[in-house]
Each structure stands twice: as structure tokens, then as C-alpha cells.
Amino acid sequence: MKISEIFEQNKTVFSFEVFPPKKTSSIDSIYSKLGALSECKPDFISVTYGAGGGGASVLTADICKAIQEQYNIPAMMHLTCVNSSKESVEEVLKLIEEYKIENILALRGDIVPDLPRQTDFMHANELVTYIKERGDFHVSGACYPEGHPESDNMVDDILNLKRKVEAGAEHLVSQLFFDNNMFYEFQEKARLAGINVPIEAGIMPVVNKAQIERMVTTCGASLPAKFVKMMNRFEHSPEALRDAGIAYAIDQVVDLMSQGVDGVHLYTMNQPEVAKKISDAVASLRCCQ
């Protein structure tokens, strides 16, 4: 099923993100968790794409295939272009078409200093156009409620986002954020700019201090006073911080769903137990839509 069809059901979509195991871990480490995640009945599951291309694309596609065939849940494959040529993207598209994967999240991807950058695609909108010209795929894109870290200002960022939608992106997934007001303000600006595709709010439950420090460094998400107080209060008690982080994420999701957002995309960090606690807490909200 295409993600566009899910949004046509006129409900708040609830989806998950997972990532392939690191090279030092067994592939079974992700497959053993998909069953538990599937019990939460997400509307779809996205699978991230490793840096550098190559075997990463095959591994991501294999996981997407398993999600669809073993659990009957639509999968969305991440596809980055910063280190990809047109020929390598073409090969990936042929593979996922063979696997009957219909949904792609088109991303520029992180620039890796040690890898020579390809020049066939300089921006995600170019990848979106290329994909749409080569198959009947649903293509999604990323958005940044607080602006892309490399963008000069929010106006330019929104205009670039509009170019991505005009290129064919049919659905947007936001970067994580910890202040819902940031998302609501961004959503209003996007609508005023004529961006009318569904926008899913990306939520990451913080379960340890190292995780939040890493996330803030890489994505630049701001921390509201309420969140900082929570971190400071429980930083020396890992169990308490974990519970508080999950509770904070639940509060975010409840507020987002009560405001009628298009969807909530939960960054699970491959932790089914965390995803289940959040899913169970909002189960009644999902059922009454």
C-alpha cells in the first residue's frame, strides 16, 4: 500500500522508524525486534539508509521486504543521494520494484568527509524528480521544524521545501523536536507557502543523557525549559530518566493528536519496549478517530 492511500483514510497516521544494525552487530538483531514492533500496529515502518551506499541499500531493502511480507505492514525505504550516482540509484529502484516496495523517503543524506561526494544529485528535490520519472513510487521528503542546520534562514528553508514538494514529494516527515509549538509554527508557515501535502511530526523518546546530547549536536533541536528541568532532575538515575523521557514523548504525542496533526512518526531507536509503551498510552486516541 502506498502511504498516500493511508493518509486518505482521514486519521492521524502513526508510524515508526527503524535502522539496520551496525556492521559489528548481527542482522538478526533487527529482525528479532520487528515482530514486537509490528504488535503495536503502526500504519507503516520506515527503514533508514546507511552512509556510503553500496551494500547499505540492499540491507535496507531486505528489511523493508521482510516488514511487508512477514508482518503485512507497508514499508518506506530511505534513499540518500549525496554519495549516489544516477546509475546506482537506478539499480536500487530496480531492486525495490522487484521487492514490491512502493514507498521511498528521498533524502540528500549526511555529507561524510572521508567519502568523495557524487555530483549527480546536489539536493533532495533532484532525487525526488529522478525517482518520479522512473517508476510508480510514492515519494516522501524530510522537513525541519526549526530549519535545516545548513539553511541561512527559515524563509529560504520553506522555499526549498516547496521545491521538493513541487518536484513530487507527496508527504513530509519532520526532524525530531521537543517543543510542539515549534512544529505548529512551522506547519502554519508551510501551509501559507502553499505546501499542502501531509506533514508528519517526528518524535524521539529520549531514554538516556548521551542520546539527547548526540541528537542536539547532530540536528540542532532546541530544548524547552520543561525538558531541561527533566534532564537535570533525573540525569543521575538512568531508570528514572528513561521513564521521564517516555512520559515526555507521550505528552507530545497526545498533544499533537489532539490538535489533529496529519501524523506522528516515532523514531524508535530499535527499542520495541519503548515504542510499545508510547503506542499503548495513545491507543485509545488512535481508536476513536
Protein backbone atom coordinates (compact mmCIF):
# COMPACT_ATOMS: atom_id res chain seq x y z
CA MET A 1 0.00 0.00 0.00
CA LYS A 2 1.19 3.49 -0.81
CA ILE A 3 1.49 5.95 2.07
CA SER A 4 -0.69 8.42 0.19
CA GLU A 5 -3.54 5.89 0.47
CA ILE A 6 -3.05 5.67 4.25
CA PHE A 7 -3.44 9.42 4.62
CA GLU A 8 -6.61 9.30 2.56
CA GLN A 9 -8.25 7.36 5.42
CA ASN A 10 -8.71 10.69 7.27
CA LYS A 11 -6.96 9.80 10.51
CA THR A 12 -3.79 10.73 12.34
CA VAL A 13 -1.24 8.34 10.88
CA PHE A 14 1.03 6.63 13.44
CA SER A 15 4.28 5.24 12.07
CA PHE A 16 7.71 4.02 13.18
CA GLU A 17 11.31 4.36 12.05
CA VAL A 18 13.92 1.63 12.47
CA PHE A 19 17.52 1.37 11.33
CA PRO A 20 19.69 -1.50 10.08
CA PRO A 21 22.16 -2.99 12.57
CA LYS A 22 25.71 -1.69 12.70
CA LYS A 23 28.38 -3.65 10.86
CA THR A 24 29.55 -5.08 14.19
CA SER A 25 26.08 -6.45 15.00
CA SER A 26 24.22 -9.44 13.67
CA ILE A 27 21.48 -8.84 11.10
CA ASP A 28 19.23 -10.90 13.36
CA SER A 29 19.28 -8.04 15.87
CA ILE A 30 16.78 -6.06 13.80
CA TYR A 31 14.65 -8.96 12.61
CA SER A 32 14.17 -10.09 16.21
CA LYS A 33 12.65 -6.68 17.02
CA LEU A 34 10.33 -6.27 14.05
CA GLY A 35 7.84 -8.75 15.47
CA ALA A 36 7.48 -6.80 18.70
CA LEU A 37 7.17 -3.53 16.81
CA SER A 38 4.53 -4.97 14.50
CA GLU A 39 2.35 -5.77 17.52
CA CYS A 40 1.92 -2.02 18.00
CA LYS A 41 0.16 -1.95 14.61
CA PRO A 42 1.92 1.07 13.09
CA ASP A 43 0.45 2.34 9.82
CA PHE A 44 3.86 1.97 8.20
CA ILE A 45 7.51 1.48 9.13
CA SER A 46 10.39 3.37 7.57
CA VAL A 47 13.91 1.95 7.38
CA THR A 48 16.97 4.20 7.32
CA TYR A 49 19.77 4.03 4.79
CA GLY A 50 23.42 3.59 5.74
CA ALA A 51 26.03 6.12 4.68
CA GLY A 52 28.02 5.46 1.56
CA GLY A 53 25.53 3.40 -0.43
CA GLY A 54 26.69 0.04 -1.71
CA GLY A 55 25.52 -2.85 0.43
CA ALA A 56 23.58 -0.49 2.67
CA SER A 57 20.86 -0.14 0.05
CA VAL A 58 20.42 -3.89 -0.26
CA LEU A 59 20.24 -4.35 3.51
CA THR A 60 17.65 -1.58 3.85
CA ALA A 61 15.60 -3.07 1.01
CA ASP A 62 15.78 -6.55 2.56
CA ILE A 63 14.43 -5.23 5.87
CA CYS A 64 11.62 -3.38 4.06
CA LYS A 65 10.74 -6.56 2.21
CA ALA A 66 10.57 -8.52 5.47
CA ILE A 67 8.31 -5.89 7.07
CA GLN A 68 5.86 -6.17 4.19
CA GLU A 69 5.94 -9.91 3.62
CA GLN A 70 6.16 -11.17 7.22
CA TYR A 71 4.04 -8.57 9.01
CA ASN A 72 1.85 -7.13 6.24
CA ILE A 73 2.84 -3.57 7.16
CA PRO A 74 3.71 -1.04 4.43
CA ALA A 75 7.40 -0.16 4.44
CA MET A 76 9.11 3.06 3.40
CA MET A 77 12.73 2.82 2.30
CA HIS A 78 15.09 5.72 2.91
CA LEU A 79 17.21 6.57 -0.12
CA THR A 80 20.03 9.11 0.04
CA CYS A 81 21.77 10.73 -2.90
CA VAL A 82 24.81 12.59 -1.57
CA ASN A 83 27.07 9.62 -2.30
CA SER A 84 25.00 8.11 -5.12
CA SER A 85 25.24 8.30 -8.88
CA LYS A 86 22.26 8.09 -11.21
CA GLU A 87 23.36 4.59 -12.13
CA SER A 88 23.47 3.40 -8.51
CA VAL A 89 20.06 4.92 -7.77
CA GLU A 90 18.69 3.22 -10.87
CA GLU A 91 19.92 -0.13 -9.56
CA VAL A 92 18.28 0.46 -6.20
CA LEU A 93 14.99 1.40 -7.83
CA LYS A 94 15.02 -1.80 -9.87
CA LEU A 95 15.66 -3.83 -6.72
CA ILE A 96 12.88 -2.27 -4.67
CA GLU A 97 10.46 -2.52 -7.57
CA GLU A 98 11.27 -6.24 -7.68
CA TYR A 99 10.65 -6.37 -3.91
CA LYS A 100 7.29 -4.58 -4.40
CA ILE A 101 8.36 -1.68 -2.17
CA GLU A 102 6.23 1.30 -3.20
CA ASN A 103 7.32 3.98 -0.74
CA ILE A 104 10.59 5.92 -0.71
CA LEU A 105 11.84 8.68 1.59
CA ALA A 106 14.13 10.72 -0.67
CA LEU A 107 16.95 12.42 1.23
CA ARG A 108 20.15 14.23 0.42
CA GLY A 109 21.88 12.40 3.25
CA ASP A 110 24.74 13.40 5.52
CA ILE A 111 27.97 14.53 3.94
CA VAL A 112 30.72 12.13 5.03
CA PRO A 113 34.16 13.79 4.95
CA ASP A 114 36.01 10.56 4.12
CA LEU A 115 33.80 9.76 1.14
CA PRO A 116 34.06 11.58 -2.19
CA ARG A 117 30.76 13.32 -2.89
CA GLN A 118 28.91 12.43 -6.08
CA THR A 119 27.56 15.31 -8.16
CA ASP A 120 24.59 13.77 -9.99
CA PHE A 121 22.27 14.92 -7.20
CA MET A 122 23.10 18.03 -5.21
CA HIS A 123 19.76 18.32 -3.41
CA ALA A 124 16.91 16.03 -2.39
CA ASN A 125 14.45 17.64 -4.81
CA GLU A 126 16.64 16.41 -7.70
CA LEU A 127 16.41 12.87 -6.34
CA VAL A 128 12.64 13.22 -5.97
CA THR A 129 12.34 14.20 -9.64
CA TYR A 130 14.57 11.33 -10.74
CA ILE A 131 12.54 8.75 -8.80
CA LYS A 132 9.19 10.04 -10.04
CA GLU A 133 10.41 9.79 -13.64
CA ARG A 134 11.39 6.15 -13.21
CA GLY A 135 8.53 4.36 -11.56
CA ASP A 136 5.16 4.46 -9.89
CA PHE A 137 6.54 5.16 -6.42
CA HIS A 138 5.13 7.19 -3.56
CA VAL A 139 7.92 9.63 -2.65
CA SER A 140 8.21 11.35 0.71
CA GLY A 141 10.60 14.05 1.87
CA ALA A 142 12.11 15.38 5.08
CA CYS A 143 11.36 18.73 6.72
CA TYR A 144 12.82 20.66 9.63
CA PRO A 145 10.50 22.48 12.09
CA GLU A 146 13.42 24.60 13.30
CA GLY A 147 15.02 24.95 9.87
CA HIS A 148 17.67 22.82 8.20
CA PRO A 149 21.03 23.23 10.02
CA GLU A 150 22.64 24.40 6.77
CA SER A 151 19.88 26.85 5.83
CA ASP A 152 20.51 30.59 6.20
CA ASN A 153 17.01 31.31 7.45
CA MET A 154 13.53 29.84 7.78
CA VAL A 155 12.18 31.60 4.69
CA ASP A 156 14.81 30.02 2.44
CA ASP A 157 14.25 26.65 4.10
CA ILE A 158 10.49 26.77 3.45
CA LEU A 159 11.09 27.77 -0.17
CA ASN A 160 13.47 24.85 -0.63
CA LEU A 161 10.89 22.57 0.92
CA LYS A 162 8.29 23.84 -1.53
CA ARG A 163 10.63 22.98 -4.41
CA LYS A 164 10.84 19.45 -3.05
CA VAL A 165 7.06 19.15 -2.97
CA GLU A 166 6.72 20.64 -6.45
CA ALA A 167 9.23 18.03 -7.63
CA GLY A 168 6.83 15.30 -6.49
CA ALA A 169 7.17 14.72 -2.74
CA GLU A 170 3.70 13.67 -1.57
CA HIS A 171 4.27 13.52 2.18
CA LEU A 172 6.76 15.06 4.61
CA VAL A 173 8.34 13.64 7.76
CA SER A 174 9.77 16.13 10.21
CA GLN A 175 13.06 16.08 12.04
CA LEU A 176 12.68 15.42 15.77
CA PHE A 177 11.69 18.29 18.06
CA PHE A 178 10.89 18.69 21.74
CA ASP A 179 8.65 21.75 21.65
CA ASN A 180 5.32 21.17 19.90
CA ASN A 181 4.85 24.90 19.39
CA MET A 182 7.86 24.82 17.08
CA PHE A 183 6.08 22.25 14.94
CA TYR A 184 2.78 24.14 14.89
CA GLU A 185 4.51 27.36 13.83
CA PHE A 186 6.43 25.53 11.11
CA GLN A 187 3.27 23.82 9.90
CA GLU A 188 1.48 27.17 9.61
CA LYS A 189 4.37 28.67 7.63
CA ALA A 190 4.41 25.67 5.29
CA ARG A 191 0.68 25.96 4.63
CA LEU A 192 0.96 29.69 3.98
CA ALA A 193 3.68 28.91 1.44
CA GLY A 194 1.30 26.58 -0.40
CA ILE A 195 2.72 23.29 0.90
CA ASN A 196 -0.42 21.20 1.27
CA VAL A 197 0.87 17.62 1.48
CA PRO A 198 0.54 15.69 4.78
CA ILE A 199 3.22 16.64 7.32
CA GLU A 200 4.13 14.04 9.93
CA ALA A 201 5.60 15.13 13.25
CA GLY A 202 8.81 13.29 14.14
CA ILE A 203 9.04 12.34 17.82
CA MET A 204 12.02 10.72 19.52
CA PRO A 205 11.63 9.47 23.10
CA VAL A 206 14.82 10.31 24.99
CA VAL A 207 15.83 7.45 27.27
CA ASN A 208 19.40 8.41 28.21
CA LYS A 209 21.52 11.54 28.52
CA ALA A 210 24.07 10.53 25.87
CA GLN A 211 21.26 10.18 23.35
CA ILE A 212 19.99 13.71 23.80
CA GLU A 213 23.50 15.20 23.71
CA ARG A 214 24.17 13.38 20.44
CA MET A 215 20.86 14.42 18.91
CA VAL A 216 21.22 18.07 19.80
CA THR A 217 24.72 18.12 18.32
CA THR A 218 23.71 16.49 15.03
CA CYS A 219 20.30 18.05 14.36
CA GLY A 220 20.31 21.24 16.40
CA ALA A 221 16.94 20.70 18.09
CA SER A 222 16.29 23.27 20.80
CA LEU A 223 15.45 22.17 24.32
CA PRO A 224 12.49 23.82 26.10
CA ALA A 225 12.85 24.68 29.79
CA LYS A 226 10.49 21.86 30.80
CA PHE A 227 12.67 19.32 29.04
CA VAL A 228 15.92 20.69 30.50
CA LYS A 229 14.48 20.55 34.03
CA MET A 230 13.52 16.92 33.44
CA MET A 231 17.03 16.08 32.26
CA ASN A 232 18.68 17.83 35.20
CA ARG A 233 16.31 16.27 37.73
CA PHE A 234 16.88 12.69 36.65
CA GLU A 235 20.30 12.68 34.96
CA HIS A 236 21.87 10.59 37.74
CA SER A 237 19.13 7.95 37.69
CA PRO A 238 19.08 6.12 34.33
CA GLU A 239 15.82 4.32 35.09
CA ALA A 240 14.03 7.49 36.18
CA LEU A 241 15.35 9.41 33.16
CA ARG A 242 14.13 6.66 30.87
CA ASP A 243 10.64 6.73 32.37
CA ALA A 244 10.55 10.54 32.30
CA GLY A 245 11.70 10.60 28.67
CA ILE A 246 8.96 8.20 27.64
CA ALA A 247 6.37 10.22 29.58
CA TYR A 248 7.56 13.42 27.87
CA ALA A 249 7.19 11.80 24.44
CA ILE A 250 3.71 10.55 25.33
CA ASP A 251 2.69 14.09 26.34
CA GLN A 252 3.98 15.36 22.99
CA VAL A 253 2.08 12.72 21.02
CA VAL A 254 -1.17 13.25 22.94
CA ASP A 255 -1.00 16.99 22.31
CA LEU A 256 -0.18 16.52 18.62
CA MET A 257 -3.02 14.06 18.08
CA SER A 258 -5.49 16.27 19.97
CA GLN A 259 -4.55 19.11 17.61
CA GLY A 260 -5.33 16.92 14.62
CA VAL A 261 -1.86 16.68 13.07
CA ASP A 262 -1.58 14.63 9.90
CA GLY A 263 0.62 12.02 11.54
CA VAL A 264 3.18 11.12 14.18
CA HIS A 265 6.41 9.38 13.14
CA LEU A 266 8.09 7.72 16.12
CA TYR A 267 11.87 7.34 15.99
CA THR A 268 12.00 4.03 17.86
CA MET A 269 15.82 3.68 18.02
CA ASN A 270 15.08 -0.04 17.54
CA GLN A 271 13.63 -0.27 21.06
CA PRO A 272 10.29 -2.11 20.85
CA GLU A 273 9.61 -1.81 24.57
CA VAL A 274 9.76 1.98 24.37
CA ALA A 275 7.60 2.08 21.25
CA LYS A 276 5.06 -0.21 22.91
CA LYS A 277 4.72 1.99 26.00
CA ILE A 278 4.02 5.02 23.85
CA SER A 279 1.72 3.13 21.49
CA ASP A 280 -0.27 1.67 24.40
CA ALA A 281 -0.60 5.10 26.01
CA VAL A 282 -2.20 6.62 22.91
CA ALA A 283 -4.11 3.53 21.75
CA SER A 284 -7.49 4.96 22.74
CA LEU A 285 -6.77 8.17 20.79
CA ARG A 286 -5.99 6.14 17.69
CA CYS A 287 -9.15 4.07 18.04
CA CYS A 288 -11.54 7.00 18.41
CA GLN A 289 -10.53 8.78 15.20
